[in-house]
Protein backbone atom coordinates (compact mmCIF):
# COMPACT_ATOMS: atom_id res chain seq x y z
CA UNK A 1 -3.52 -19.17 -20.94
CA UNK A 2 -6.72 -17.36 -20.63
CA UNK A 3 -7.35 -14.83 -23.33
CA UNK A 4 -8.38 -12.10 -20.56
CA UNK A 5 -5.01 -12.70 -18.88
CA UNK A 6 -3.49 -9.31 -20.31
CA UNK A 7 -6.45 -7.27 -19.41
CA UNK A 8 -6.36 -8.46 -15.90
CA UNK A 9 -2.64 -7.75 -15.64
CA UNK A 10 -3.20 -4.49 -17.13
CA UNK A 11 -6.03 -3.55 -14.78
CA UNK A 12 -3.90 -4.67 -11.80
CA UNK A 13 -0.96 -2.51 -12.92
CA UNK A 14 -3.27 0.52 -13.28
CA UNK A 15 -4.75 -0.21 -9.85
CA UNK A 16 -1.18 -0.37 -8.40
CA UNK A 17 -0.39 2.95 -10.18
CA UNK A 18 -3.30 4.71 -8.58
CA UNK A 19 -2.36 3.27 -5.17
CA UNK A 20 1.11 4.57 -5.36
CA UNK A 21 0.57 7.91 -3.85
CA UNK A 22 -1.33 6.33 -0.94
CA UNK A 23 1.53 3.85 -0.32
CA UNK A 24 4.02 6.72 -0.29
CA UNK A 25 1.85 8.60 2.17
CA UNK A 26 1.45 5.40 4.48
CA UNK A 27 5.24 4.77 4.44
CA UNK A 28 5.99 8.63 5.11
CA UNK A 29 3.55 8.66 7.96
CA UNK A 30 4.14 5.04 9.22
CA UNK A 31 4.13 6.35 12.85
CA UNK A 32 0.49 7.31 12.52
CA UNK A 33 -1.19 6.00 9.34
CA UNK A 34 -4.42 7.86 9.84
CA UNK A 35 -4.76 10.54 7.16
CA UNK A 36 -7.02 13.52 7.89
CA UNK A 37 -9.94 14.26 5.72
CA UNK A 38 -7.94 17.05 4.04
CA UNK A 39 -5.13 14.58 3.49
CA UNK A 40 -7.62 11.79 2.02
CA UNK A 41 -9.10 14.52 -0.39
CA UNK A 42 -5.72 15.58 -1.66
CA UNK A 43 -4.72 11.76 -2.06
CA UNK A 44 -7.96 11.06 -3.85
CA UNK A 45 -7.32 13.89 -6.33
CA UNK A 46 -3.65 12.56 -6.75
CA UNK A 47 -4.74 9.02 -7.32
CA UNK A 48 -7.88 9.31 -9.32
CA UNK A 49 -9.80 7.59 -6.66
CA UNK A 50 -12.86 8.66 -4.77
CA UNK A 51 -12.64 9.70 -1.18
CA UNK A 52 -14.64 6.61 -0.10
CA UNK A 53 -12.01 4.38 -2.10
CA UNK A 54 -9.04 6.30 -0.34
CA UNK A 55 -10.53 5.80 3.11
CA UNK A 56 -11.24 2.09 2.37
CA UNK A 57 -7.77 1.40 1.05
CA UNK A 58 -6.08 2.85 4.39
CA UNK A 59 -8.43 0.76 6.52
CA UNK A 60 -7.77 -2.43 4.43
CA UNK A 61 -3.99 -1.52 4.61
CA UNK A 62 -3.97 -0.99 8.41
CA UNK A 63 -6.05 -4.31 8.69
CA UNK A 64 -3.54 -6.18 6.54
CA UNK A 65 -0.73 -4.95 8.76
CA UNK A 66 -2.66 -5.86 11.92
CA UNK A 67 -3.59 -9.42 10.63
CA UNK A 68 -0.05 -10.23 9.47
CA UNK A 69 1.80 -9.01 12.40
CA UNK A 70 -0.39 -10.06 15.43
CA UNK A 71 1.85 -8.63 18.20
CA UNK A 72 -0.39 -6.05 19.92
CA UNK A 73 2.08 -3.69 21.27
CA UNK A 74 4.00 -2.90 18.08
CA UNK A 75 4.24 0.66 16.50
CA UNK A 76 2.89 1.01 12.94
CA UNK A 77 6.40 1.50 11.65
CA UNK A 78 7.65 -1.66 12.96
CA UNK A 79 4.51 -3.54 11.74
CA UNK A 80 5.25 -2.25 8.27
CA UNK A 81 8.91 -3.32 8.54
CA UNK A 82 8.00 -6.83 9.85
CA UNK A 83 5.06 -7.10 7.11
CA UNK A 84 7.72 -6.50 4.43
CA UNK A 85 9.94 -9.26 5.81
CA UNK A 86 7.50 -11.95 6.03
CA UNK A 87 5.05 -11.42 3.28
CA UNK A 88 5.87 -13.51 0.09
CA UNK A 89 4.27 -14.77 -3.16
CA UNK A 90 1.52 -12.76 -4.79
CA UNK A 91 0.70 -10.48 -1.89
CA UNK A 92 0.26 -6.70 -2.90
CA UNK A 93 3.58 -5.17 -2.70
CA UNK A 94 3.64 -1.76 -1.11
CA UNK A 95 6.55 -0.56 -2.99
CA UNK A 96 7.62 2.95 -3.71
CA UNK A 97 9.18 2.18 -7.02
CA UNK A 98 7.14 1.65 -9.88
CA UNK A 99 8.60 -1.68 -11.33
CA UNK A 100 8.58 -3.28 -7.83
CA UNK A 101 12.32 -3.27 -7.64
CA UNK A 102 14.02 -2.17 -4.53
CA UNK A 103 17.29 -0.09 -4.88
CA UNK A 104 19.63 0.25 -1.96
CA UNK A 105 18.43 2.97 0.35
CA UNK A 106 14.87 3.11 -1.10
CA UNK A 107 12.25 2.30 1.53
CA UNK A 108 10.62 -0.90 0.10
CA UNK A 109 7.34 -1.96 1.98
CA UNK A 110 5.19 -4.87 1.12
CA UNK A 111 1.49 -4.82 2.00
């Protein structure tokens, strides 16, 4: 393989770790996935991201949900549920667990 493969994987894991608080917030607030400015600031502090990065992450997450599940009248919660069902392969998983596994009763969303 490529000599830089390990670095890329490590960076990707680090980015996934940074995004974990955002994913958890999104899942918890799936009926209205629009954090307030205060919530974004707290999420930025908790994830070592800038406020702009947090805002962009949420905009991208909502766009991915809309583009994947194209029915216009669905709630965000239902969109997330359907997204999990249909997304496969290397799509970024929006999983609450750190290792990507899904134990029974644990919400497992893929984004």
